[in-house]
Amino acid sequence: MEVKTIEQPLFNATTVETTDLKRLLKLYKSVTPKAPMTVSENGLQFLAADPSMVGMIDLRLKTDLFDGYEYPEEPVTFGVNIEKLEECVREARKGDTVTSSAVRERCEVREDRAACCGE
């Protein structure tokens, strides 16, 4: 298996239990395919409106959802392709470790069976 080396990521969020994360991302992508994500000491936050601006979803994934969570000193916000993120997390099997991290303006999601999912 080929693994990319990431130097000093902006954040790392690792989880083994992906059932709830899969459900949340599936729901979120039904509202909007892309959204800004804020990473902070409180966890990950996705806040976006649907394309018609009728509904809004505020998804907050607190740090206790993750087995490991490292965050920047100051909150950082960047765009995320929710469809691609959900697709990558959906591939995880029971017991797989899923790690999300961001480097500069590129978000990478890895799980222990595949090298990388990305846009």
PDB file of N, CA and C in Angstrom:
ATOM      1  N   MET A   1       0.850  -1.183   0.000  1.00  0.00           N
ATOM      2  CA  MET A   1       0.000   0.000   0.000  1.00  0.00           C
ATOM      3  C   MET A   1       0.893   1.244   0.000  1.00  0.00           C
ATOM      4  N   GLU A   2       0.602   2.150  -0.890  1.00  0.00           N
ATOM      5  CA  GLU A   2       1.334   3.411  -0.968  1.00  0.00           C
ATOM      6  C   GLU A   2       0.680   4.417  -0.014  1.00  0.00           C
ATOM      7  N   VAL A   3       1.486   5.079   0.802  1.00  0.00           N
ATOM      8  CA  VAL A   3       0.977   6.072   1.737  1.00  0.00           C
ATOM      9  C   VAL A   3       1.705   7.385   1.494  1.00  0.00           C
ATOM     10  N   LYS A   4       0.941   8.458   1.343  1.00  0.00           N
ATOM     11  CA  LYS A   4       1.549   9.773   1.164  1.00  0.00           C
ATOM     12  C   LYS A   4       2.029  10.299   2.499  1.00  0.00           C
ATOM     13  N   THR A   5       3.190  10.927   2.515  1.00  0.00           N
ATOM     14  CA  THR A   5       3.700  11.552   3.719  1.00  0.00           C
ATOM     15  C   THR A   5       3.191  12.986   3.757  1.00  0.00           C
ATOM     16  N   ILE A   6       2.578  13.354   4.853  1.00  0.00           N
ATOM     17  CA  ILE A   6       2.043  14.707   5.014  1.00  0.00           C
ATOM     18  C   ILE A   6       2.895  15.414   6.046  1.00  0.00           C
ATOM     19  N   GLU A   7       3.460  16.541   5.678  1.00  0.00           N
ATOM     20  CA  GLU A   7       4.279  17.305   6.610  1.00  0.00           C
ATOM     21  C   GLU A   7       3.443  18.354   7.312  1.00  0.00           C
ATOM     22  N   GLN A   8       3.441  18.344   8.618  1.00  0.00           N
ATOM     23  CA  GLN A   8       2.781  19.316   9.472  1.00  0.00           C
ATOM     24  C   GLN A   8       1.387  19.702   8.977  1.00  0.00           C
ATOM     25  N   PRO A   9       0.436  18.797   9.090  1.00  0.00           N
ATOM     26  CA  PRO A   9      -0.920  19.111   8.646  1.00  0.00           C
ATOM     27  C   PRO A   9      -1.564  20.180   9.533  1.00  0.00           C
ATOM     28  N   LEU A  10      -2.566  20.866   8.981  1.00  0.00           N
ATOM     29  CA  LEU A  10      -3.309  21.854   9.753  1.00  0.00           C
ATOM     30  C   LEU A  10      -4.119  21.182  10.856  1.00  0.00           C
ATOM     31  N   PHE A  11      -4.625  19.985  10.560  1.00  0.00           N
ATOM     32  CA  PHE A  11      -5.359  19.230  11.568  1.00  0.00           C
ATOM     33  C   PHE A  11      -5.319  17.753  11.224  1.00  0.00           C
ATOM     34  N   ASN A  12      -5.595  16.925  12.209  1.00  0.00           N
ATOM     35  CA  ASN A  12      -5.768  15.486  12.031  1.00  0.00           C
ATOM     36  C   ASN A  12      -6.969  15.064  12.857  1.00  0.00           C
ATOM     37  N   ALA A  13      -7.864  14.313  12.268  1.00  0.00           N
ATOM     38  CA  ALA A  13      -9.001  13.753  12.983  1.00  0.00           C
ATOM     39  C   ALA A  13      -9.065  12.273  12.619  1.00  0.00           C
ATOM     40  N   THR A  14      -8.944  11.404  13.618  1.00  0.00           N
ATOM     41  CA  THR A  14      -8.891   9.965  13.389  1.00  0.00           C
ATOM     42  C   THR A  14     -10.024   9.274  14.133  1.00  0.00           C
ATOM     43  N   THR A  15     -10.671   8.334  13.458  1.00  0.00           N
ATOM     44  CA  THR A  15     -11.731   7.569  14.099  1.00  0.00           C
ATOM     45  C   THR A  15     -11.748   6.140  13.572  1.00  0.00           C
ATOM     46  N   VAL A  16     -12.168   5.215  14.425  1.00  0.00           N
ATOM     47  CA  VAL A  16     -12.351   3.829  14.030  1.00  0.00           C
ATOM     48  C   VAL A  16     -13.846   3.570  13.825  1.00  0.00           C
ATOM     49  N   GLU A  17     -14.684   4.221  14.600  1.00  0.00           N
ATOM     50  CA  GLU A  17     -16.138   4.066  14.508  1.00  0.00           C
ATOM     51  C   GLU A  17     -16.679   5.066  13.490  1.00  0.00           C
ATOM     52  N   THR A  18     -17.057   4.583  12.319  1.00  0.00           N
ATOM     53  CA  THR A  18     -17.477   5.475  11.236  1.00  0.00           C
ATOM     54  C   THR A  18     -18.972   5.455  10.948  1.00  0.00           C
ATOM     55  N   THR A  19     -19.740   4.640  11.647  1.00  0.00           N
ATOM     56  CA  THR A  19     -21.172   4.512  11.360  1.00  0.00           C
ATOM     57  C   THR A  19     -21.892   5.853  11.431  1.00  0.00           C
ATOM     58  N   ASP A  20     -21.736   6.582  12.539  1.00  0.00           N
ATOM     59  CA  ASP A  20     -22.406   7.870  12.684  1.00  0.00           C
ATOM     60  C   ASP A  20     -21.878   8.889  11.685  1.00  0.00           C
ATOM     61  N   LEU A  21     -20.572   8.898  11.467  1.00  0.00           N
ATOM     62  CA  LEU A  21     -19.967   9.830  10.519  1.00  0.00           C
ATOM     63  C   LEU A  21     -20.510   9.593   9.114  1.00  0.00           C
ATOM     64  N   LYS A  22     -20.651   8.342   8.715  1.00  0.00           N
ATOM     65  CA  LYS A  22     -21.201   8.012   7.398  1.00  0.00           C
ATOM     66  C   LYS A  22     -22.620   8.557   7.257  1.00  0.00           C
ATOM     67  N   ARG A  23     -23.438   8.360   8.269  1.00  0.00           N
ATOM     68  CA  ARG A  23     -24.830   8.835   8.223  1.00  0.00           C
ATOM     69  C   ARG A  23     -24.902  10.359   8.151  1.00  0.00           C
ATOM     70  N   LEU A  24     -24.089  11.035   8.951  1.00  0.00           N
ATOM     71  CA  LEU A  24     -24.096  12.499   8.957  1.00  0.00           C
ATOM     72  C   LEU A  24     -23.653  13.073   7.615  1.00  0.00           C
ATOM     73  N   LEU A  25     -22.601  12.515   7.042  1.00  0.00           N
ATOM     74  CA  LEU A  25     -22.113  13.019   5.754  1.00  0.00           C
ATOM     75  C   LEU A  25     -23.103  12.731   4.630  1.00  0.00           C
ATOM     76  N   LYS A  26     -23.772  11.596   4.670  1.00  0.00           N
ATOM     77  CA  LYS A  26     -24.783  11.280   3.660  1.00  0.00           C
ATOM     78  C   LYS A  26     -25.925  12.283   3.730  1.00  0.00           C
ATOM     79  N   LEU A  27     -26.374  12.597   4.928  1.00  0.00           N
ATOM     80  CA  LEU A  27     -27.425  13.597   5.118  1.00  0.00           C
ATOM     81  C   LEU A  27     -26.960  14.966   4.628  1.00  0.00           C
ATOM     82  N   TYR A  28     -25.746  15.341   5.004  1.00  0.00           N
ATOM     83  CA  TYR A  28     -25.222  16.668   4.654  1.00  0.00           C
ATOM     84  C   TYR A  28     -25.083  16.824   3.146  1.00  0.00           C
ATOM     85  N   LYS A  29     -24.603  15.807   2.451  1.00  0.00           N
ATOM     86  CA  LYS A  29     -24.414  15.929   1.002  1.00  0.00           C
ATOM     87  C   LYS A  29     -25.752  16.008   0.273  1.00  0.00           C
ATOM     88  N   SER A  30     -26.843  15.572   0.914  1.00  0.00           N
ATOM     89  CA  SER A  30     -28.162  15.712   0.296  1.00  0.00           C
ATOM     90  C   SER A  30     -28.612  17.173   0.270  1.00  0.00           C
ATOM     91  N   VAL A  31     -28.008  18.001   1.116  1.00  0.00           N
ATOM     92  CA  VAL A  31     -28.327  19.431   1.157  1.00  0.00           C
ATOM     93  C   VAL A  31     -27.407  20.217   0.235  1.00  0.00           C
ATOM     94  N   THR A  32     -26.114  19.928   0.285  1.00  0.00           N
ATOM     95  CA  THR A  32     -25.148  20.647  -0.543  1.00  0.00           C
ATOM     96  C   THR A  32     -23.928  19.766  -0.823  1.00  0.00           C
ATOM     97  N   PRO A  33     -23.387  19.802  -2.038  1.00  0.00           N
ATOM     98  CA  PRO A  33     -22.246  18.953  -2.363  1.00  0.00           C
ATOM     99  C   PRO A  33     -20.906  19.480  -1.848  1.00  0.00           C
ATOM    100  N   LYS A  34     -20.824  20.771  -1.611  1.00  0.00           N
ATOM    101  CA  LYS A  34     -19.577  21.373  -1.125  1.00  0.00           C
ATOM    102  C   LYS A  34     -19.915  22.371  -0.020  1.00  0.00           C
ATOM    103  N   ALA A  35     -18.996  22.510   0.931  1.00  0.00           N
ATOM    104  CA  ALA A  35     -19.272  23.408   2.054  1.00  0.00           C
ATOM    105  C   ALA A  35     -17.977  23.838   2.719  1.00  0.00           C
ATOM    106  N   PRO A  36     -18.017  24.987   3.393  1.00  0.00           N
ATOM    107  CA  PRO A  36     -16.856  25.374   4.190  1.00  0.00           C
ATOM    108  C   PRO A  36     -16.799  24.540   5.473  1.00  0.00           C
ATOM    109  N   MET A  37     -15.589  24.201   5.888  1.00  0.00           N
ATOM    110  CA  MET A  37     -15.384  23.471   7.138  1.00  0.00           C
ATOM    111  C   MET A  37     -14.439  24.290   8.004  1.00  0.00           C
ATOM    112  N   THR A  38     -14.817  24.478   9.250  1.00  0.00           N
ATOM    113  CA  THR A  38     -13.969  25.178  10.210  1.00  0.00           C
ATOM    114  C   THR A  38     -13.399  24.164  11.186  1.00  0.00           C
ATOM    115  N   VAL A  39     -12.086  24.204  11.370  1.00  0.00           N
ATOM    116  CA  VAL A  39     -11.381  23.327  12.294  1.00  0.00           C
ATOM    117  C   VAL A  39     -10.951  24.178  13.478  1.00  0.00           C
ATOM    118  N   SER A  40     -11.312  23.747  14.681  1.00  0.00           N
ATOM    119  CA  SER A  40     -10.928  24.495  15.880  1.00  0.00           C
ATOM    120  C   SER A  40     -10.767  23.538  17.052  1.00  0.00           C
ATOM    121  N   GLU A  41     -10.461  24.078  18.208  1.00  0.00           N
ATOM    122  CA  GLU A  41     -10.308  23.266  19.408  1.00  0.00           C
ATOM    123  C   GLU A  41     -11.617  22.575  19.802  1.00  0.00           C
ATOM    124  N   ASN A  42     -12.749  23.063  19.285  1.00  0.00           N
ATOM    125  CA  ASN A  42     -14.059  22.477  19.597  1.00  0.00           C
ATOM    126  C   ASN A  42     -14.445  21.333  18.676  1.00  0.00           C
ATOM    127  N   GLY A  43     -13.718  21.154  17.570  1.00  0.00           N
ATOM    128  CA  GLY A  43     -14.035  20.101  16.614  1.00  0.00           C
ATOM    129  C   GLY A  43     -14.165  20.653  15.209  1.00  0.00           C
ATOM    130  N   LEU A  44     -14.895  19.924  14.365  1.00  0.00           N
ATOM    131  CA  LEU A  44     -15.104  20.323  12.983  1.00  0.00           C
ATOM    132  C   LEU A  44     -16.518  20.873  12.827  1.00  0.00           C
ATOM    133  N   GLN A  45     -16.664  21.968  12.083  1.00  0.00           N
ATOM    134  CA  GLN A  45     -17.980  22.551  11.848  1.00  0.00           C
ATOM    135  C   GLN A  45     -18.170  22.789  10.354  1.00  0.00           C
ATOM    136  N   PHE A  46     -19.306  22.289   9.843  1.00  0.00           N
ATOM    137  CA  PHE A  46     -19.721  22.526   8.466  1.00  0.00           C
ATOM    138  C   PHE A  46     -20.993  23.373   8.538  1.00  0.00           C
ATOM    139  N   LEU A  47     -21.024  24.493   7.837  1.00  0.00           N
ATOM    140  CA  LEU A  47     -22.191  25.367   7.850  1.00  0.00           C
ATOM    141  C   LEU A  47     -22.465  25.798   6.422  1.00  0.00           C
ATOM    142  N   ALA A  48     -23.631  25.435   5.900  1.00  0.00           N
ATOM    143  CA  ALA A  48     -23.951  25.789   4.518  1.00  0.00           C
ATOM    144  C   ALA A  48     -25.454  25.769   4.295  1.00  0.00           C
ATOM    145  N   ALA A  49     -25.873  26.484   3.261  1.00  0.00           N
ATOM    146  CA  ALA A  49     -27.269  26.502   2.844  1.00  0.00           C
ATOM    147  C   ALA A  49     -27.407  25.673   1.579  1.00  0.00           C
ATOM    148  N   ASP A  50     -28.626  25.188   1.346  1.00  0.00           N
ATOM    149  CA  ASP A  50     -28.872  24.471   0.098  1.00  0.00           C
ATOM    150  C   ASP A  50     -28.828  25.474  -1.062  1.00  0.00           C
ATOM    151  N   PRO A  51     -28.683  24.998  -2.292  1.00  0.00           N
ATOM    152  CA  PRO A  51     -28.543  25.899  -3.441  1.00  0.00           C
ATOM    153  C   PRO A  51     -29.688  26.903  -3.602  1.00  0.00           C
ATOM    154  N   SER A  52     -30.897  26.540  -3.194  1.00  0.00           N
ATOM    155  CA  SER A  52     -32.023  27.465  -3.332  1.00  0.00           C
ATOM    156  C   SER A  52     -32.128  28.436  -2.157  1.00  0.00           C
ATOM    157  N   MET A  53     -31.209  28.289  -1.182  1.00  0.00           N
ATOM    158  CA  MET A  53     -31.171  29.155   0.003  1.00  0.00           C
ATOM    159  C   MET A  53     -32.449  29.051   0.857  1.00  0.00           C
ATOM    160  N   VAL A  54     -33.085  27.881   0.833  1.00  0.00           N
ATOM    161  CA  VAL A  54     -34.283  27.650   1.628  1.00  0.00           C
ATOM    162  C   VAL A  54     -33.922  27.026   2.977  1.00  0.00           C
ATOM    163  N   GLY A  55     -32.993  26.087   2.954  1.00  0.00           N
ATOM    164  CA  GLY A  55     -32.606  25.398   4.183  1.00  0.00           C
ATOM    165  C   GLY A  55     -31.136  25.591   4.484  1.00  0.00           C
ATOM    166  N   MET A  56     -30.798  25.489   5.765  1.00  0.00           N
ATOM    167  CA  MET A  56     -29.411  25.600   6.192  1.00  0.00           C
ATOM    168  C   MET A  56     -29.116  24.445   7.139  1.00  0.00           C
ATOM    169  N   ILE A  57     -27.904  23.957   7.056  1.00  0.00           N
ATOM    170  CA  ILE A  57     -27.486  22.886   7.959  1.00  0.00           C
ATOM    171  C   ILE A  57     -26.199  23.304   8.664  1.00  0.00           C
ATOM    172  N   ASP A  58     -26.178  23.080   9.960  1.00  0.00           N
ATOM    173  CA  ASP A  58     -25.018  23.398  10.795  1.00  0.00           C
ATOM    174  C   ASP A  58     -24.604  22.085  11.453  1.00  0.00           C
ATOM    175  N   LEU A  59     -23.572  21.461  10.911  1.00  0.00           N
ATOM    176  CA  LEU A  59     -23.102  20.170  11.408  1.00  0.00           C
ATOM    177  C   LEU A  59     -21.836  20.389  12.218  1.00  0.00           C
ATOM    178  N   ARG A  60     -21.862  19.985  13.470  1.00  0.00           N
ATOM    179  CA  ARG A  60     -20.703  20.125  14.351  1.00  0.00           C
ATOM    180  C   ARG A  60     -20.282  18.756  14.848  1.00  0.00           C
ATOM    181  N   LEU A  61     -19.049  18.406  14.523  1.00  0.00           N
ATOM    182  CA  LEU A  61     -18.484  17.133  14.963  1.00  0.00           C
ATOM    183  C   LEU A  61     -17.513  17.441  16.097  1.00  0.00           C
ATOM    184  N   LYS A  62     -17.943  17.206  17.304  1.00  0.00           N
ATOM    185  CA  LYS A  62     -17.126  17.522  18.477  1.00  0.00           C
ATOM    186  C   LYS A  62     -15.938  16.576  18.578  1.00  0.00           C
ATOM    187  N   THR A  63     -14.928  17.031  19.285  1.00  0.00           N
ATOM    188  CA  THR A  63     -13.672  16.282  19.376  1.00  0.00           C
ATOM    189  C   THR A  63     -13.859  14.887  19.969  1.00  0.00           C
ATOM    190  N   ASP A  64     -14.866  14.689  20.838  1.00  0.00           N
ATOM    191  CA  ASP A  64     -15.045  13.373  21.452  1.00  0.00           C
ATOM    192  C   ASP A  64     -15.581  12.325  20.470  1.00  0.00           C
ATOM    193  N   LEU A  65     -15.978  12.738  19.263  1.00  0.00           N
ATOM    194  CA  LEU A  65     -16.368  11.796  18.224  1.00  0.00           C
ATOM    195  C   LEU A  65     -15.148  11.064  17.661  1.00  0.00           C
ATOM    196  N   PHE A  66     -13.976  11.669  17.817  1.00  0.00           N
ATOM    197  CA  PHE A  66     -12.749  11.140  17.223  1.00  0.00           C
ATOM    198  C   PHE A  66     -11.881  10.433  18.258  1.00  0.00           C
ATOM    199  N   ASP A  67     -11.159   9.429  17.811  1.00  0.00           N
ATOM    200  CA  ASP A  67     -10.205   8.727  18.673  1.00  0.00           C
ATOM    201  C   ASP A  67      -8.941   9.553  18.850  1.00  0.00           C
ATOM    202  N   GLY A  68      -8.639  10.376  17.862  1.00  0.00           N
ATOM    203  CA  GLY A  68      -7.500  11.284  17.911  1.00  0.00           C
ATOM    204  C   GLY A  68      -7.875  12.571  17.207  1.00  0.00           C
ATOM    205  N   TYR A  69      -7.517  13.704  17.778  1.00  0.00           N
ATOM    206  CA  TYR A  69      -7.871  14.988  17.168  1.00  0.00           C
ATOM    207  C   TYR A  69      -6.785  16.005  17.485  1.00  0.00           C
ATOM    208  N   GLU A  70      -6.160  16.532  16.442  1.00  0.00           N
ATOM    209  CA  GLU A  70      -5.161  17.591  16.580  1.00  0.00           C
ATOM    210  C   GLU A  70      -5.665  18.787  15.793  1.00  0.00           C
ATOM    211  N   TYR A  71      -5.546  19.971  16.346  1.00  0.00           N
ATOM    212  CA  TYR A  71      -6.110  21.167  15.724  1.00  0.00           C
ATOM    213  C   TYR A  71      -5.104  22.310  15.745  1.00  0.00           C
ATOM    214  N   PRO A  72      -5.311  23.313  14.879  1.00  0.00           N
ATOM    215  CA  PRO A  72      -4.401  24.459  14.846  1.00  0.00           C
ATOM    216  C   PRO A  72      -4.647  25.382  16.037  1.00  0.00           C
ATOM    217  N   GLU A  73      -3.681  26.255  16.304  1.00  0.00           N
ATOM    218  CA  GLU A  73      -3.834  27.205  17.406  1.00  0.00           C
ATOM    219  C   GLU A  73      -5.015  28.135  17.177  1.00  0.00           C
ATOM    220  N   GLU A  74      -5.189  28.583  15.953  1.00  0.00           N
ATOM    221  CA  GLU A  74      -6.301  29.459  15.589  1.00  0.00           C
ATOM    222  C   GLU A  74      -7.253  28.682  14.676  1.00  0.00           C
ATOM    223  N   PRO A  75      -8.570  28.931  14.753  1.00  0.00           N
ATOM    224  CA  PRO A  75      -9.506  28.255  13.844  1.00  0.00           C
ATOM    225  C   PRO A  75      -9.149  28.513  12.379  1.00  0.00           C
ATOM    226  N   VAL A  76      -9.324  27.491  11.552  1.00  0.00           N
ATOM    227  CA  VAL A  76      -9.036  27.567  10.121  1.00  0.00           C
ATOM    228  C   VAL A  76     -10.289  27.117   9.371  1.00  0.00           C
ATOM    229  N   THR A  77     -10.674  27.858   8.324  1.00  0.00           N
ATOM    230  CA  THR A  77     -11.830  27.506   7.509  1.00  0.00           C
ATOM    231  C   THR A  77     -11.392  27.305   6.064  1.00  0.00           C
ATOM    232  N   PHE A  78     -11.868  26.233   5.441  1.00  0.00           N
ATOM    233  CA  PHE A  78     -11.562  25.974   4.040  1.00  0.00           C
ATOM    234  C   PHE A  78     -12.692  25.156   3.434  1.00  0.00           C
ATOM    235  N   GLY A  79     -12.759  25.128   2.112  1.00  0.00           N
ATOM    236  CA  GLY A  79     -13.821  24.415   1.411  1.00  0.00           C
ATOM    237  C   GLY A  79     -13.574  22.921   1.349  1.00  0.00           C
ATOM    238  N   VAL A  80     -14.653  22.152   1.449  1.00  0.00           N
ATOM    239  CA  VAL A  80     -14.574  20.695   1.405  1.00  0.00           C
ATOM    240  C   VAL A  80     -15.619  20.172   0.415  1.00  0.00           C
ATOM    241  N   ASN A  81     -15.203  19.229  -0.404  1.00  0.00           N
ATOM    242  CA  ASN A  81     -16.123  18.540  -1.292  1.00  0.00           C
ATOM    243  C   ASN A  81     -16.787  17.439  -0.458  1.00  0.00           C
ATOM    244  N   ILE A  82     -18.005  17.697   0.016  1.00  0.00           N
ATOM    245  CA  ILE A  82     -18.717  16.770   0.895  1.00  0.00           C
ATOM    246  C   ILE A  82     -18.993  15.444   0.174  1.00  0.00           C
ATOM    247  N   GLU A  83     -19.310  15.510  -1.118  1.00  0.00           N
ATOM    248  CA  GLU A  83     -19.567  14.285  -1.869  1.00  0.00           C
ATOM    249  C   GLU A  83     -18.341  13.375  -1.873  1.00  0.00           C
ATOM    250  N   LYS A  84     -17.177  13.949  -2.104  1.00  0.00           N
ATOM    251  CA  LYS A  84     -15.941  13.155  -2.148  1.00  0.00           C
ATOM    252  C   LYS A  84     -15.592  12.644  -0.745  1.00  0.00           C
ATOM    253  N   LEU A  85     -15.758  13.477   0.260  1.00  0.00           N
ATOM    254  CA  LEU A  85     -15.487  13.064   1.639  1.00  0.00           C
ATOM    255  C   LEU A  85     -16.390  11.900   2.035  1.00  0.00           C
ATOM    256  N   GLU A  86     -17.673  12.014   1.738  1.00  0.00           N
ATOM    257  CA  GLU A  86     -18.626  10.958   2.064  1.00  0.00           C
ATOM    258  C   GLU A  86     -18.287   9.676   1.304  1.00  0.00           C
ATOM    259  N   GLU A  87     -17.884   9.815   0.053  1.00  0.00           N
ATOM    260  CA  GLU A  87     -17.508   8.664  -0.759  1.00  0.00           C
ATOM    261  C   GLU A  87     -16.317   7.924  -0.137  1.00  0.00           C
ATOM    262  N   CYS A  88     -15.338   8.669   0.329  1.00  0.00           N
ATOM    263  CA  CYS A  88     -14.151   8.057   0.940  1.00  0.00           C
ATOM    264  C   CYS A  88     -14.484   7.375   2.261  1.00  0.00           C
ATOM    265  N   VAL A  89     -15.259   8.044   3.102  1.00  0.00           N
ATOM    266  CA  VAL A  89     -15.621   7.475   4.409  1.00  0.00           C
ATOM    267  C   VAL A  89     -16.526   6.259   4.219  1.00  0.00           C
ATOM    268  N   ARG A  90     -17.385   6.295   3.221  1.00  0.00           N
ATOM    269  CA  ARG A  90     -18.292   5.181   2.935  1.00  0.00           C
ATOM    270  C   ARG A  90     -17.517   3.898   2.631  1.00  0.00           C
ATOM    271  N   GLU A  91     -16.323   4.008   2.077  1.00  0.00           N
ATOM    272  CA  GLU A  91     -15.503   2.839   1.728  1.00  0.00           C
ATOM    273  C   GLU A  91     -14.916   2.139   2.952  1.00  0.00           C
ATOM    274  N   ALA A  92     -14.898   2.805   4.090  1.00  0.00           N
ATOM    275  CA  ALA A  92     -14.314   2.212   5.299  1.00  0.00           C
ATOM    276  C   ALA A  92     -15.152   1.030   5.769  1.00  0.00           C
ATOM    277  N   ARG A  93     -14.464  -0.018   6.164  1.00  0.00           N
ATOM    278  CA  ARG A  93     -15.123  -1.204   6.705  1.00  0.00           C
ATOM    279  C   ARG A  93     -15.035  -1.181   8.229  1.00  0.00           C
ATOM    280  N   LYS A  94     -15.789  -2.038   8.855  1.00  0.00           N
ATOM    281  CA  LYS A  94     -15.765  -2.126  10.313  1.00  0.00           C
ATOM    282  C   LYS A  94     -14.340  -2.395  10.772  1.00  0.00           C
ATOM    283  N   GLY A  95     -13.850  -1.592  11.709  1.00  0.00           N
ATOM    284  CA  GLY A  95     -12.502  -1.757  12.238  1.00  0.00           C
ATOM    285  C   GLY A  95     -11.438  -0.957  11.522  1.00  0.00           C
ATOM    286  N   ASP A  96     -11.762  -0.390  10.352  1.00  0.00           N
ATOM    287  CA  ASP A  96     -10.789   0.445   9.642  1.00  0.00           C
ATOM    288  C   ASP A  96     -10.593   1.765  10.384  1.00  0.00           C
ATOM    289  N   THR A  97      -9.384   2.259  10.341  1.00  0.00           N
ATOM    290  CA  THR A  97      -9.089   3.570  10.904  1.00  0.00           C
ATOM    291  C   THR A  97      -9.177   4.602   9.790  1.00  0.00           C
ATOM    292  N   VAL A  98      -9.985   5.630   9.980  1.00  0.00           N
ATOM    293  CA  VAL A  98     -10.146   6.692   8.993  1.00  0.00           C
ATOM    294  C   VAL A  98      -9.526   7.968   9.559  1.00  0.00           C
ATOM    295  N   THR A  99      -8.629   8.571   8.785  1.00  0.00           N
ATOM    296  CA  THR A  99      -7.970   9.808   9.203  1.00  0.00           C
ATOM    297  C   THR A  99      -8.238  10.897   8.182  1.00  0.00           C
ATOM    298  N   SER A 100      -8.725  12.029   8.656  1.00  0.00           N
ATOM    299  CA  SER A 100      -8.903  13.212   7.821  1.00  0.00           C
ATOM    300  C   SER A 100      -7.852  14.221   8.230  1.00  0.00           C
ATOM    301  N   SER A 101      -7.258  14.869   7.244  1.00  0.00           N
ATOM    302  CA  SER A 101      -6.279  15.906   7.551  1.00  0.00           C
ATOM    303  C   SER A 101      -6.266  16.907   6.408  1.00  0.00           C
ATOM    304  N   ALA A 102      -5.738  18.069   6.679  1.00  0.00           N
ATOM    305  CA  ALA A 102      -5.637  19.105   5.653  1.00  0.00           C
ATOM    306  C   ALA A 102      -4.239  19.695   5.665  1.00  0.00           C
ATOM    307  N   VAL A 103      -3.730  19.898   4.474  1.00  0.00           N
ATOM    308  CA  VAL A 103      -2.437  20.539   4.308  1.00  0.00           C
ATOM    309  C   VAL A 103      -2.655  21.713   3.361  1.00  0.00           C
ATOM    310  N   ARG A 104      -2.328  22.881   3.823  1.00  0.00           N
ATOM    311  CA  ARG A 104      -2.539  24.093   3.030  1.00  0.00           C
ATOM    312  C   ARG A 104      -3.961  24.135   2.524  1.00  0.00           C
ATOM    313  N   GLU A 105      -4.196  24.130   1.207  1.00  0.00           N
ATOM    314  CA  GLU A 105      -5.545  24.209   0.665  1.00  0.00           C
ATOM    315  C   GLU A 105      -6.042  22.887   0.112  1.00  0.00           C
ATOM    316  N   ARG A 106      -5.367  21.798   0.444  1.00  0.00           N
ATOM    317  CA  ARG A 106      -5.726  20.485  -0.083  1.00  0.00           C
ATOM    318  C   ARG A 106      -6.157  19.590   1.073  1.00  0.00           C
ATOM    319  N   CYS A 107      -7.342  19.031   0.990  1.00  0.00           N
ATOM    320  CA  CYS A 107      -7.836  18.132   2.032  1.00  0.00           C
ATOM    321  C   CYS A 107      -7.617  16.694   1.577  1.00  0.00           C
ATOM    322  N   GLU A 108      -7.165  15.861   2.483  1.00  0.00           N
ATOM    323  CA  GLU A 108      -6.900  14.468   2.161  1.00  0.00           C
ATOM    324  C   GLU A 108      -7.586  13.583   3.190  1.00  0.00           C
ATOM    325  N   VAL A 109      -8.256  12.564   2.713  1.00  0.00           N
ATOM    326  CA  VAL A 109      -8.867  11.571   3.594  1.00  0.00           C
ATOM    327  C   VAL A 109      -8.232  10.239   3.265  1.00  0.00           C
ATOM    328  N   ARG A 110      -7.722   9.558   4.278  1.00  0.00           N
ATOM    329  CA  ARG A 110      -7.101   8.257   4.086  1.00  0.00           C
ATOM    330  C   ARG A 110      -7.766   7.256   5.009  1.00  0.00           C
ATOM    331  N   GLU A 111      -7.809   6.029   4.578  1.00  0.00           N
ATOM    332  CA  GLU A 111      -8.204   4.946   5.475  1.00  0.00           C
ATOM    333  C   GLU A 111      -7.218   3.815   5.253  1.00  0.00           C
ATOM    334  N   ASP A 112      -7.104   2.956   6.218  1.00  0.00           N
ATOM    335  CA  ASP A 112      -5.973   2.039   6.239  1.00  0.00           C
ATOM    336  C   ASP A 112      -5.916   0.999   5.115  1.00  0.00           C
ATOM    337  N   ARG A 113      -6.918   0.920   4.232  1.00  0.00           N
ATOM    338  CA  ARG A 113      -6.861  -0.012   3.104  1.00  0.00           C
ATOM    339  C   ARG A 113      -6.474   0.697   1.803  1.00  0.00           C
ATOM    340  N   ALA A 114      -6.620   2.004   1.717  1.00  0.00           N
ATOM    341  CA  ALA A 114      -6.377   2.723   0.465  1.00  0.00           C
ATOM    342  C   ALA A 114      -5.386   3.848   0.683  1.00  0.00           C
ATOM    343  N   ALA A 115      -4.734   4.257  -0.367  1.00  0.00           N
ATOM    344  CA  ALA A 115      -3.725   5.291  -0.257  1.00  0.00           C
ATOM    345  C   ALA A 115      -4.339   6.660  -0.003  1.00  0.00           C
ATOM    346  N   CYS A 116      -5.312   7.059  -0.804  1.00  0.00           N
ATOM    347  CA  CYS A 116      -5.812   8.426  -0.677  1.00  0.00           C
ATOM    348  C   CYS A 116      -7.076   8.606  -1.484  1.00  0.00           C
ATOM    349  N   CYS A 117      -7.936   9.444  -0.984  1.00  0.00           N
ATOM    350  CA  CYS A 117      -9.085   9.907  -1.759  1.00  0.00           C
ATOM    351  C   CYS A 117      -8.922  11.419  -1.860  1.00  0.00           C
ATOM    352  N   GLY A 118      -9.122  11.977  -2.996  1.00  0.00           N
ATOM    353  CA  GLY A 118      -9.003  13.423  -3.121  1.00  0.00           C
ATOM    354  C   GLY A 118      -9.537  13.900  -4.439  1.00  0.00           C
ATOM    355  N   GLU A 119      -9.746  15.185  -4.510  1.00  0.00           N
ATOM    356  CA  GLU A 119     -10.300  15.772  -5.723  1.00  0.00           C
ATOM    357  C   GLU A 119      -9.200  16.164  -6.655  1.00  0.00           C
TER     358      GLU A 119
END
